[in-house]
Amino acid sequence: MSLRKLLFLSIVAVLYIGRPAFSQTNDVMIAGDGTAQVIDGKHPVVQVMDAEGKVMASIPIEKSPGGYFYIYSKSANTLYVVYNEKKHEHFISAVNLTTNRVDKQIKVGAGRYVGLFLSNDGRRLYCYTAANSGIRQPGPASGYIYSEYLDPPYEPAITVIDTASNQIIVTYNWFKSFQKDVNYSHSWGFNMQFIAVTDDGKLVIKSKAVARYGLNSLIERFVIFSGIDLDPISTIDTSGQVVGSMLSKDQKLVFAAVAGDKKTDGSLIVINLEKGTSITHALTDHPTGLIRLGSKREPWILSSEKMRVLSETGELGERQIQLSLDGVPNETISLDDDHAAILIRDKHKVILLDMKKLQVDAIVATRSLGEKVGIASEQIMAATMTGVILGALDAVIVATSWDADSGSIMARRDGQILYVFDPGTHKVTVIDVRTATIVRRISVNEYITRIKVSSDGKQLICAGSVSEEYARNMNLNFSGPVRETINLETNNF
């Protein structure tokens, strides 16, 4: 990447800290290895492409001054696109990819933040809107009135939509679940994350409330709702930051890994969804996440030093693998019944695991020393010119709308070959798992943001996109989707 482009990205990253560096238009995978994405611009559209990258449809949608967020329902073959109008009022366009038209526009409320979540069967779409909420109060230092944050309709809410009819079933005022805890003399911020929807209709949400000025203690909790009427069953407060959570296979328990204040402590919270109770297990190391690996898709607790097996009933097992990750795991993948891989993106390495022998087989670096030095030099030079040292270029250009089956690390069907995408070098590293060696480095377009193995296993699909805004700022003569395919049958990896 040229220094000019790095400089632009650095400036944008400073101006838009905490948000995407530019108006991303990342795609989502749809049926038949096709893709759909929002193409922003003067006349925004949902663009639908087939497996070969041919544009099949361009469906007009509403213009949004604040960007878009979207999710795909496979069962309804519908792309649900969130956009906002004035005063942060959010709407959802139900874009039918069978008829290539917008079936309905659904108003879901106002707020600074918005999120979408689909039930496993695709029959329910959950949307939350959130913002700092409370009563009208002057700021303690500046005297400004944050009415935009504090007054209705900016109270956090969850909306449940029936995807068959695109009708709103119920709207729940999220502020109620924190009302008894909030000191009304200060404004509060809310952060929500959908965790799971069980087959019997229970909705599990993790939420955080924090005082805008740090004058009240942070509250982080799980809230369990029953049925589509969003009747809260129970709330479970945590003792720290939740770094990972997952549902047990029988959907009766939620496991939550909670980081402690030190590197040698933490806890595992096991929440019983039927009883609304919880049990806490103390940990002697600092957890970094929860994953499922191996032939039985067993749950494991990750820390920087080791990973430890967890039973489906929430009991800590004896089996452990010593890791010494020296970084936070970004993506994990099972290769076969007894082998798996962990990607540490910021350290540019892949850890190959033998789940049967409970050991690390090998650690493979995905960047050469020269690439690390070269990229670091460009980043420092660009950052020096803007007065800011960037942590990593990867954080600026990372995709924000990935589906569950694509990202930065993929495997061939037999699990013997790994494909690891590095957005910093714009290369796909091909790793032979049997010998733990790099067999090839494949350069791809610099606007690629993710990879995916096609459903027939014959191609590696590399996808990305360029927004009109970014194209204008960079004086590019093109915008829209970027797509490359690597034939896995003709390449003898």
Protein backbone atom coordinates (compact mmCIF):
# COMPACT_ATOMS: atom_id res chain seq x y z
CA MET A 1 0.00 0.00 0.00
CA SER A 2 1.32 3.46 -0.89
CA LEU A 3 2.34 5.99 1.77
CA ARG A 4 -0.37 8.32 0.50
CA LYS A 5 -3.07 5.76 1.21
CA LEU A 6 -1.59 4.95 4.61
CA LEU A 7 -1.57 8.64 5.47
CA PHE A 8 -5.22 9.00 4.52
CA LEU A 9 -6.21 5.95 6.57
CA SER A 10 -4.26 7.30 9.54
CA ILE A 11 -6.06 10.64 9.42
CA VAL A 12 -9.44 8.97 9.04
CA ALA A 13 -8.68 6.61 11.93
CA VAL A 14 -7.94 9.59 14.17
CA LEU A 15 -11.07 11.47 13.18
CA TYR A 16 -13.34 8.46 13.45
CA ILE A 17 -11.87 6.63 16.41
CA GLY A 18 -14.24 4.00 17.72
CA ARG A 19 -16.04 3.79 14.36
CA PRO A 20 -15.21 2.21 10.99
CA ALA A 21 -12.46 4.22 9.32
CA PHE A 22 -14.60 4.82 6.26
CA SER A 23 -18.02 3.89 4.93
CA GLN A 24 -17.54 0.17 4.54
CA THR A 25 -19.83 -1.81 2.24
CA ASN A 26 -18.86 -5.32 3.27
CA ASP A 27 -20.85 -8.15 1.78
CA VAL A 28 -22.64 -11.08 3.37
CA MET A 29 -22.77 -14.56 1.93
CA ILE A 30 -26.17 -15.69 0.68
CA ALA A 31 -27.56 -18.91 -0.77
CA GLY A 32 -25.50 -20.58 -3.50
CA ASP A 33 -22.19 -18.86 -2.59
CA GLY A 34 -23.56 -15.56 -3.82
CA THR A 35 -23.15 -12.27 -1.98
CA ALA A 36 -25.30 -9.26 -1.16
CA GLN A 37 -24.19 -5.89 0.10
CA VAL A 38 -25.25 -2.29 0.43
CA ILE A 39 -23.56 -0.01 -2.10
CA ASP A 40 -23.68 3.48 -0.61
CA GLY A 41 -23.78 6.65 -2.65
CA LYS A 42 -26.20 9.20 -4.04
CA HIS A 43 -28.63 6.41 -4.93
CA PRO A 44 -27.85 3.49 -2.58
CA VAL A 45 -28.74 -0.04 -3.63
CA VAL A 46 -28.52 -3.60 -2.37
CA GLN A 47 -26.36 -5.34 -4.94
CA VAL A 48 -26.75 -9.10 -5.38
CA MET A 49 -23.97 -11.14 -7.00
CA ASP A 50 -23.81 -14.83 -7.93
CA ALA A 51 -20.97 -17.24 -7.10
CA GLU A 52 -18.95 -16.05 -10.10
CA GLY A 53 -19.22 -12.39 -9.13
CA LYS A 54 -21.80 -11.45 -11.76
CA VAL A 55 -24.26 -8.75 -10.66
CA MET A 56 -27.74 -10.29 -10.62
CA ALA A 57 -29.73 -7.39 -9.17
CA SER A 58 -29.44 -3.85 -7.84
CA ILE A 59 -32.33 -3.07 -5.50
CA PRO A 60 -32.86 0.60 -4.54
CA ILE A 61 -33.07 1.40 -0.82
CA GLU A 62 -33.42 4.53 1.30
CA LYS A 63 -30.54 6.95 1.68
CA SER A 64 -29.05 7.00 5.19
CA PRO A 65 -26.98 9.91 6.56
CA GLY A 66 -25.33 7.63 9.10
CA GLY A 67 -24.53 4.44 7.20
CA TYR A 68 -26.05 0.97 7.22
CA PHE A 69 -26.03 -2.25 9.21
CA TYR A 70 -27.50 -5.46 7.85
CA ILE A 71 -28.06 -9.17 8.42
CA TYR A 72 -29.16 -11.99 6.12
CA SER A 73 -31.98 -14.46 6.83
CA LYS A 74 -31.38 -17.65 4.87
CA SER A 75 -34.82 -19.06 5.63
CA ALA A 76 -36.58 -15.95 4.31
CA ASN A 77 -33.89 -15.15 1.67
CA THR A 78 -34.13 -11.59 2.92
CA LEU A 79 -31.50 -8.99 3.71
CA TYR A 80 -32.58 -6.81 6.64
CA VAL A 81 -30.94 -3.40 6.28
CA VAL A 82 -30.96 -0.89 9.15
CA TYR A 83 -30.72 2.78 8.25
CA ASN A 84 -31.44 5.98 10.12
CA GLU A 85 -33.14 9.23 9.29
CA LYS A 86 -33.13 12.48 11.26
CA LYS A 87 -32.73 12.45 15.04
CA HIS A 88 -31.28 8.94 14.95
CA GLU A 89 -34.62 7.32 14.16
CA HIS A 90 -33.91 3.82 12.88
CA PHE A 91 -35.77 1.87 10.20
CA ILE A 92 -35.30 -1.62 8.76
CA SER A 93 -35.80 -2.36 5.07
CA ALA A 94 -36.77 -6.00 4.46
CA VAL A 95 -35.07 -6.57 1.08
CA ASN A 96 -36.48 -9.72 -0.54
CA LEU A 97 -33.71 -11.35 -2.60
CA THR A 98 -36.18 -13.66 -4.35
CA THR A 99 -38.38 -10.89 -5.76
CA ASN A 100 -35.60 -8.25 -5.74
CA ARG A 101 -37.67 -5.63 -3.99
CA VAL A 102 -38.18 -4.08 -0.58
CA ASP A 103 -41.11 -5.87 1.05
CA LYS A 104 -41.50 -3.49 3.98
CA GLN A 105 -39.92 -0.68 5.96
CA ILE A 106 -40.11 -1.23 9.70
CA LYS A 107 -39.63 1.56 12.24
CA VAL A 108 -37.73 0.23 15.27
CA GLY A 109 -37.06 3.31 17.38
CA ALA A 110 -34.32 5.83 17.95
CA GLY A 111 -30.87 5.71 19.48
CA ARG A 112 -27.16 6.12 18.91
CA TYR A 113 -26.49 2.40 18.51
CA VAL A 114 -28.25 -0.45 16.78
CA GLY A 115 -27.81 -4.22 16.49
CA LEU A 116 -29.51 -7.18 14.79
CA PHE A 117 -29.81 -10.85 15.71
CA LEU A 118 -31.65 -13.77 14.08
CA SER A 119 -33.11 -16.79 15.85
CA ASN A 120 -31.67 -20.16 14.82
CA ASP A 121 -34.74 -21.02 12.74
CA GLY A 122 -34.81 -17.56 11.15
CA ARG A 123 -38.40 -16.91 12.22
CA ARG A 124 -37.61 -14.04 14.58
CA LEU A 125 -35.50 -10.95 13.99
CA TYR A 126 -34.36 -9.09 17.10
CA CYS A 127 -33.26 -5.47 16.91
CA TYR A 128 -31.97 -3.27 19.70
CA THR A 129 -31.48 0.46 19.74
CA ALA A 130 -29.50 2.06 22.53
CA ALA A 131 -28.11 5.37 23.70
CA ASN A 132 -27.12 7.12 26.89
CA SER A 133 -30.34 7.32 28.82
CA GLY A 134 -31.76 8.93 31.95
CA ILE A 135 -33.43 12.24 32.73
CA ARG A 136 -32.56 15.74 31.56
CA GLN A 137 -29.63 16.89 33.69
CA PRO A 138 -26.79 19.39 33.21
CA GLY A 139 -23.28 17.99 32.98
CA PRO A 140 -21.40 18.29 36.27
CA ALA A 141 -18.41 20.15 34.82
CA SER A 142 -19.33 21.86 31.57
CA GLY A 143 -22.94 22.71 32.34
CA TYR A 144 -24.07 21.47 28.93
CA ILE A 145 -27.42 19.69 28.68
CA TYR A 146 -27.12 16.38 26.86
CA SER A 147 -30.76 16.31 25.82
CA GLU A 148 -29.89 14.38 22.67
CA TYR A 149 -28.65 11.54 24.84
CA LEU A 150 -31.04 11.76 27.74
CA ASP A 151 -34.57 12.46 26.63
CA PRO A 152 -37.08 10.03 25.11
CA PRO A 153 -37.26 8.53 22.55
CA TYR A 154 -33.58 7.70 23.15
CA GLU A 155 -34.29 5.01 25.70
CA PRO A 156 -32.79 1.61 24.83
CA ALA A 157 -35.29 -0.87 23.45
CA ILE A 158 -35.52 -4.34 21.91
CA THR A 159 -37.91 -4.96 19.01
CA VAL A 160 -38.98 -8.46 17.95
CA ILE A 161 -40.06 -8.92 14.31
CA ASP A 162 -41.79 -11.88 12.68
CA THR A 163 -39.77 -12.55 9.50
CA ALA A 164 -42.70 -14.26 7.74
CA SER A 165 -44.89 -11.15 7.86
CA ASN A 166 -42.26 -8.53 8.78
CA GLN A 167 -44.61 -7.36 11.52
CA ILE A 168 -43.43 -6.14 14.91
CA ILE A 169 -44.45 -8.62 17.60
CA VAL A 170 -43.37 -6.68 20.68
CA THR A 171 -41.10 -3.83 21.79
CA TYR A 172 -39.41 -3.96 25.18
CA ASN A 173 -37.99 -0.91 26.99
CA TRP A 174 -34.53 -2.12 27.96
CA PHE A 175 -34.09 0.63 30.55
CA LYS A 176 -36.50 -1.25 32.83
CA SER A 177 -33.94 -3.98 33.48
CA PHE A 178 -31.51 -1.43 34.94
CA GLN A 179 -33.96 1.06 36.41
CA LYS A 180 -33.52 0.05 40.05
CA ASP A 181 -29.73 0.34 39.76
CA VAL A 182 -29.36 3.66 37.98
CA ASN A 183 -28.70 6.88 39.82
CA TYR A 184 -30.94 9.36 38.01
CA SER A 185 -28.68 12.31 38.80
CA HIS A 186 -26.24 11.18 36.11
CA SER A 187 -26.55 9.99 32.54
CA TRP A 188 -25.84 6.36 31.74
CA GLY A 189 -24.55 4.56 28.70
CA PHE A 190 -25.87 1.17 27.62
CA ASN A 191 -24.18 -1.52 25.59
CA MET A 192 -26.05 -4.67 24.56
CA GLN A 193 -25.04 -7.93 22.90
CA PHE A 194 -27.35 -10.71 21.78
CA ILE A 195 -26.00 -14.05 23.03
CA ALA A 196 -28.53 -16.70 22.00
CA VAL A 197 -32.12 -17.62 21.26
CA THR A 198 -33.06 -21.12 22.39
CA ASP A 199 -35.45 -23.38 20.50
CA ASP A 200 -38.07 -22.88 23.21
CA GLY A 201 -37.97 -19.11 22.75
CA LYS A 202 -35.69 -17.90 25.54
CA LEU A 203 -33.64 -14.84 24.62
CA VAL A 204 -30.28 -14.26 26.34
CA ILE A 205 -28.72 -10.80 26.26
CA LYS A 206 -25.55 -9.44 27.82
CA SER A 207 -25.69 -5.79 28.73
CA LYS A 208 -23.50 -3.20 30.32
CA ALA A 209 -24.44 0.08 31.99
CA VAL A 210 -21.83 2.67 32.84
CA ALA A 211 -22.01 6.25 34.09
CA ARG A 212 -21.14 8.83 31.46
CA TYR A 213 -18.82 10.64 33.86
CA GLY A 214 -17.54 7.61 35.77
CA LEU A 215 -19.33 8.62 38.96
CA ASN A 216 -21.19 5.33 39.31
CA SER A 217 -19.89 1.77 39.18
CA LEU A 218 -20.19 -0.26 36.00
CA ILE A 219 -22.91 -2.91 35.85
CA GLU A 220 -22.50 -5.88 33.51
CA ARG A 221 -25.18 -8.55 33.49
CA PHE A 222 -27.05 -11.24 31.62
CA VAL A 223 -30.81 -10.91 31.21
CA ILE A 224 -32.93 -13.94 30.28
CA PHE A 225 -36.30 -13.39 28.61
CA SER A 226 -39.03 -15.99 28.10
CA GLY A 227 -41.17 -16.22 24.97
CA ILE A 228 -41.82 -13.69 22.26
CA ASP A 229 -43.46 -11.29 24.73
CA LEU A 230 -40.00 -10.59 26.20
CA ASP A 231 -41.00 -11.29 29.77
CA PRO A 232 -37.75 -11.12 31.81
CA ILE A 233 -37.14 -14.29 33.82
CA SER A 234 -34.00 -13.32 35.68
CA THR A 235 -30.88 -11.16 35.69
CA ILE A 236 -27.38 -12.40 36.54
CA ASP A 237 -24.77 -9.80 37.45
CA THR A 238 -21.12 -10.56 36.76
CA SER A 239 -18.09 -9.62 38.83
CA GLY A 240 -16.07 -8.26 35.93
CA GLN A 241 -15.72 -8.05 32.17
CA VAL A 242 -17.27 -10.91 30.19
CA VAL A 243 -14.71 -12.01 27.59
CA GLY A 244 -16.65 -14.93 26.13
CA SER A 245 -19.98 -16.71 26.33
CA MET A 246 -21.72 -19.68 24.71
CA LEU A 247 -24.80 -21.87 24.96
CA SER A 248 -24.61 -25.52 26.02
CA LYS A 249 -25.64 -28.09 23.42
CA ASP A 250 -28.91 -28.85 25.20
CA GLN A 251 -29.61 -25.08 25.35
CA LYS A 252 -30.25 -25.22 29.09
CA LEU A 253 -27.07 -23.43 30.22
CA VAL A 254 -25.06 -20.35 29.31
CA PHE A 255 -21.32 -20.37 30.01
CA ALA A 256 -19.64 -17.01 30.59
CA ALA A 257 -15.89 -16.44 31.04
CA VAL A 258 -15.20 -13.39 33.20
CA ALA A 259 -11.80 -11.71 33.41
CA GLY A 260 -10.46 -10.77 36.83
CA ASP A 261 -8.39 -7.79 37.90
CA LYS A 262 -5.11 -9.71 37.74
CA LYS A 263 -3.45 -12.05 35.26
CA THR A 264 -3.92 -14.93 37.69
CA ASP A 265 -7.64 -14.71 38.34
CA GLY A 266 -11.01 -14.88 36.68
CA SER A 267 -14.22 -16.88 36.88
CA LEU A 268 -16.58 -19.09 34.94
CA ILE A 269 -20.27 -18.35 35.43
CA VAL A 270 -22.73 -21.14 34.58
CA ILE A 271 -26.28 -19.78 34.13
CA ASN A 272 -29.24 -22.16 34.33
CA LEU A 273 -31.81 -20.82 31.86
CA GLU A 274 -34.66 -22.92 33.24
CA LYS A 275 -34.19 -21.92 36.88
CA GLY A 276 -32.75 -18.46 36.33
CA THR A 277 -29.88 -19.22 38.72
CA SER A 278 -26.11 -19.28 38.37
CA ILE A 279 -23.00 -20.96 39.77
CA THR A 280 -19.55 -19.35 39.75
CA HIS A 281 -16.29 -21.31 39.44
CA ALA A 282 -13.08 -19.51 40.39
CA LEU A 283 -10.22 -19.67 37.86
CA THR A 284 -6.52 -19.39 38.57
CA ASP A 285 -5.72 -17.73 35.25
CA HIS A 286 -7.04 -14.82 33.21
CA PRO A 287 -9.60 -16.08 30.63
CA THR A 288 -9.62 -14.61 27.14
CA GLY A 289 -12.54 -16.45 25.55
CA LEU A 290 -14.63 -19.57 25.01
CA ILE A 291 -14.46 -21.78 21.91
CA ARG A 292 -15.69 -25.16 20.61
CA LEU A 293 -13.16 -27.47 19.00
CA GLY A 294 -12.56 -31.11 18.11
CA SER A 295 -14.76 -33.87 16.74
CA LYS A 296 -17.24 -33.52 19.60
CA ARG A 297 -17.23 -29.71 19.43
CA GLU A 298 -16.33 -29.56 23.10
CA PRO A 299 -16.25 -26.20 24.88
CA TRP A 300 -12.84 -24.93 25.99
CA ILE A 301 -11.85 -21.97 28.14
CA LEU A 302 -8.94 -20.02 26.65
CA SER A 303 -6.36 -18.03 28.55
CA SER A 304 -3.00 -16.65 27.50
CA GLU A 305 -1.23 -19.60 29.14
CA LYS A 306 -3.48 -22.57 28.48
CA MET A 307 -6.82 -23.89 27.32
CA ARG A 308 -8.97 -26.12 29.54
CA VAL A 309 -11.88 -28.35 28.60
CA LEU A 310 -15.36 -27.65 29.92
CA SER A 311 -18.21 -30.17 30.18
CA GLU A 312 -21.68 -29.49 28.78
CA THR A 313 -22.92 -29.36 32.39
CA GLY A 314 -20.55 -26.54 33.26
CA GLU A 315 -17.87 -28.49 35.13
CA LEU A 316 -14.17 -27.74 34.61
CA GLY A 317 -12.36 -30.78 33.20
CA GLU A 318 -8.85 -32.01 33.82
CA ARG A 319 -7.67 -31.95 30.19
CA GLN A 320 -5.48 -28.95 29.43
CA ILE A 321 -3.19 -27.72 26.66
CA GLN A 322 -0.36 -25.35 27.52
CA LEU A 323 -0.37 -22.49 25.01
CA SER A 324 1.64 -19.35 25.84
CA LEU A 325 -0.33 -17.47 23.18
CA ASP A 326 1.32 -14.07 23.70
CA GLY A 327 -1.81 -12.51 22.22
CA VAL A 328 -5.59 -12.75 22.09
CA PRO A 329 -7.09 -15.46 19.82
CA ASN A 330 -9.06 -13.93 16.95
CA GLU A 331 -10.38 -16.97 15.12
CA THR A 332 -10.35 -20.73 15.70
CA ILE A 333 -11.10 -23.61 13.35
CA SER A 334 -11.41 -27.40 13.64
CA LEU A 335 -9.38 -29.24 10.99
CA ASP A 336 -10.50 -32.82 11.64
CA ASP A 337 -11.58 -34.95 14.59
CA ASP A 338 -8.33 -34.43 16.50
CA HIS A 339 -6.73 -31.25 15.15
CA ALA A 340 -7.50 -27.53 15.28
CA ALA A 341 -5.89 -24.16 14.64
CA ILE A 342 -5.92 -20.79 16.41
CA LEU A 343 -5.18 -17.50 14.63
CA ILE A 344 -3.45 -14.74 16.62
CA ARG A 345 -3.90 -11.90 14.15
CA ASP A 346 -1.91 -9.15 15.88
CA LYS A 347 1.08 -11.48 16.27
CA HIS A 348 0.68 -12.85 12.71
CA LYS A 349 0.85 -16.49 13.68
CA VAL A 350 -1.20 -19.68 13.58
CA ILE A 351 -1.06 -22.25 16.37
CA LEU A 352 -1.65 -25.87 15.28
CA LEU A 353 -3.16 -28.08 18.00
CA ASP A 354 -3.39 -31.83 18.51
CA MET A 355 -6.57 -32.20 20.55
CA LYS A 356 -5.99 -35.93 21.18
CA LYS A 357 -2.43 -35.61 22.46
CA LEU A 358 -3.29 -32.30 24.21
CA GLN A 359 -0.34 -30.43 22.80
CA VAL A 360 0.73 -27.66 20.45
CA ASP A 361 2.09 -29.28 17.29
CA ALA A 362 3.58 -26.17 15.76
CA ILE A 363 3.45 -22.38 15.53
CA VAL A 364 3.55 -20.95 12.00
CA ALA A 365 4.36 -17.29 11.33
CA THR A 366 2.21 -15.82 8.54
CA ARG A 367 4.50 -12.84 7.90
CA SER A 368 8.17 -12.78 7.09
CA LEU A 369 10.50 -10.64 9.17
CA GLY A 370 10.97 -8.31 6.21
CA GLU A 371 7.22 -7.79 5.88
CA LYS A 372 6.87 -7.04 9.59
CA VAL A 373 9.67 -4.47 9.47
CA GLY A 374 8.44 -2.91 6.23
CA ILE A 375 4.84 -2.54 7.35
CA ALA A 376 5.89 -1.21 10.75
CA SER A 377 8.12 1.40 9.09
CA GLU A 378 5.30 2.60 6.82
CA GLN A 379 2.90 2.81 9.76
CA ILE A 380 5.36 4.79 11.90
CA MET A 381 6.12 7.17 9.03
CA ALA A 382 2.43 7.79 8.32
CA ALA A 383 1.60 8.12 12.01
CA THR A 384 4.46 10.54 12.63
CA MET A 385 3.05 12.85 9.98
CA THR A 386 -0.32 12.88 11.75
CA GLY A 387 1.07 12.96 15.29
CA VAL A 388 -0.52 9.63 16.21
CA ILE A 389 1.03 6.17 16.45
CA LEU A 390 -1.39 3.62 15.07
CA GLY A 391 -1.63 0.31 16.88
CA ALA A 392 -2.01 -1.65 13.64
CA LEU A 393 -3.17 -0.97 10.11
CA ASP A 394 -5.24 -4.17 10.26
CA ALA A 395 -7.61 -2.54 12.77
CA VAL A 396 -8.35 0.24 10.29
CA ILE A 397 -9.35 -1.86 7.32
CA VAL A 398 -10.85 -4.92 8.99
CA ALA A 399 -14.29 -5.97 7.76
CA THR A 400 -17.24 -5.30 10.04
CA SER A 401 -19.94 -7.57 8.64
CA TRP A 402 -18.74 -11.16 8.46
CA ASP A 403 -20.95 -14.20 8.37
CA ALA A 404 -20.17 -17.20 10.56
CA ASP A 405 -18.51 -19.21 7.79
CA SER A 406 -15.94 -16.74 6.56
CA GLY A 407 -13.20 -14.53 7.91
CA SER A 408 -9.41 -14.70 7.98
CA ILE A 409 -8.74 -18.43 8.39
CA MET A 410 -10.29 -21.30 6.41
CA ALA A 411 -9.42 -24.95 5.80
CA ARG A 412 -9.61 -27.39 2.92
CA ARG A 413 -12.29 -30.04 3.35
CA ASP A 414 -9.80 -32.71 4.47
CA GLY A 415 -8.28 -30.34 7.03
CA GLN A 416 -4.76 -30.80 5.64
CA ILE A 417 -4.40 -27.31 4.18
CA LEU A 418 -5.02 -23.96 5.89
CA TYR A 419 -5.66 -20.63 4.16
CA VAL A 420 -4.84 -17.57 6.27
CA PHE A 421 -5.67 -14.08 5.02
CA ASP A 422 -3.53 -11.10 6.12
CA PRO A 423 -5.12 -7.72 5.28
CA GLY A 424 -1.87 -5.92 6.09
CA THR A 425 0.14 -7.65 3.36
CA HIS A 426 -2.86 -8.44 1.09
CA LYS A 427 -1.78 -12.06 0.90
CA VAL A 428 -3.28 -15.49 1.56
CA THR A 429 -0.78 -17.77 3.26
CA VAL A 430 -1.23 -21.46 2.37
CA ILE A 431 -0.07 -23.78 5.18
CA ASP A 432 0.48 -27.54 4.94
CA VAL A 433 -0.80 -28.75 8.31
CA ARG A 434 1.03 -32.10 8.10
CA THR A 435 4.47 -30.48 7.84
CA ALA A 436 3.56 -27.11 9.47
CA THR A 437 5.18 -25.29 6.56
CA ILE A 438 4.13 -22.49 4.26
CA VAL A 439 3.75 -23.86 0.73
CA ARG A 440 2.65 -20.68 -1.00
CA ARG A 441 1.83 -16.99 -0.52
CA ILE A 442 -0.89 -15.69 -2.86
CA SER A 443 -1.28 -11.94 -3.42
CA VAL A 444 -4.84 -10.63 -3.63
CA ASN A 445 -6.45 -7.26 -4.28
CA GLU A 446 -5.68 -4.73 -1.55
CA TYR A 447 -9.41 -4.19 -0.90
CA ILE A 448 -10.11 -7.82 -0.01
CA THR A 449 -11.36 -8.10 3.58
CA ARG A 450 -12.19 -11.80 4.05
CA ILE A 451 -12.02 -15.28 2.58
CA LYS A 452 -14.34 -18.28 2.37
CA VAL A 453 -14.13 -21.79 0.93
CA SER A 454 -17.00 -22.34 -1.51
CA SER A 455 -19.69 -24.84 -0.57
CA ASP A 456 -18.39 -27.35 -3.16
CA GLY A 457 -14.84 -27.01 -1.82
CA LYS A 458 -13.44 -26.13 -5.24
CA GLN A 459 -12.71 -22.42 -4.78
CA LEU A 460 -11.40 -19.99 -2.22
CA ILE A 461 -13.60 -16.90 -2.47
CA CYS A 462 -11.86 -13.62 -1.59
CA ALA A 463 -14.31 -10.76 -1.10
CA GLY A 464 -14.27 -7.06 -0.24
CA SER A 465 -15.59 -3.73 -1.45
CA VAL A 466 -14.86 -0.04 -1.88
CA SER A 467 -17.37 2.63 -0.90
CA GLU A 468 -18.02 5.67 -3.10
CA GLU A 469 -16.80 7.96 -0.32
CA TYR A 470 -13.50 6.14 -0.04
CA ALA A 471 -13.12 6.04 -3.82
CA ARG A 472 -13.61 9.81 -4.01
CA ASN A 473 -11.13 10.51 -1.23
CA MET A 474 -8.51 8.24 -2.78
CA ASN A 475 -9.18 9.39 -6.38
CA LEU A 476 -10.03 5.86 -7.43
CA ASN A 477 -11.79 5.27 -10.72
CA PHE A 478 -13.99 2.49 -9.33
CA SER A 479 -16.16 1.61 -6.35
CA GLY A 480 -18.34 -1.30 -5.32
CA PRO A 481 -17.62 -4.99 -4.70
CA VAL A 482 -14.19 -6.56 -5.11
CA ARG A 483 -14.04 -10.31 -5.63
CA GLU A 484 -11.36 -12.82 -6.54
CA THR A 485 -11.46 -16.62 -6.65
CA ILE A 486 -8.61 -19.08 -6.26
CA ASN A 487 -9.16 -22.45 -7.91
CA LEU A 488 -8.29 -25.06 -5.30
CA GLU A 489 -8.42 -27.95 -7.78
CA THR A 490 -5.84 -26.62 -10.26
CA ASN A 491 -3.51 -25.37 -7.53
CA ASN A 492 -1.60 -28.31 -6.06
CA PHE A 493 -1.13 -27.11 -2.52
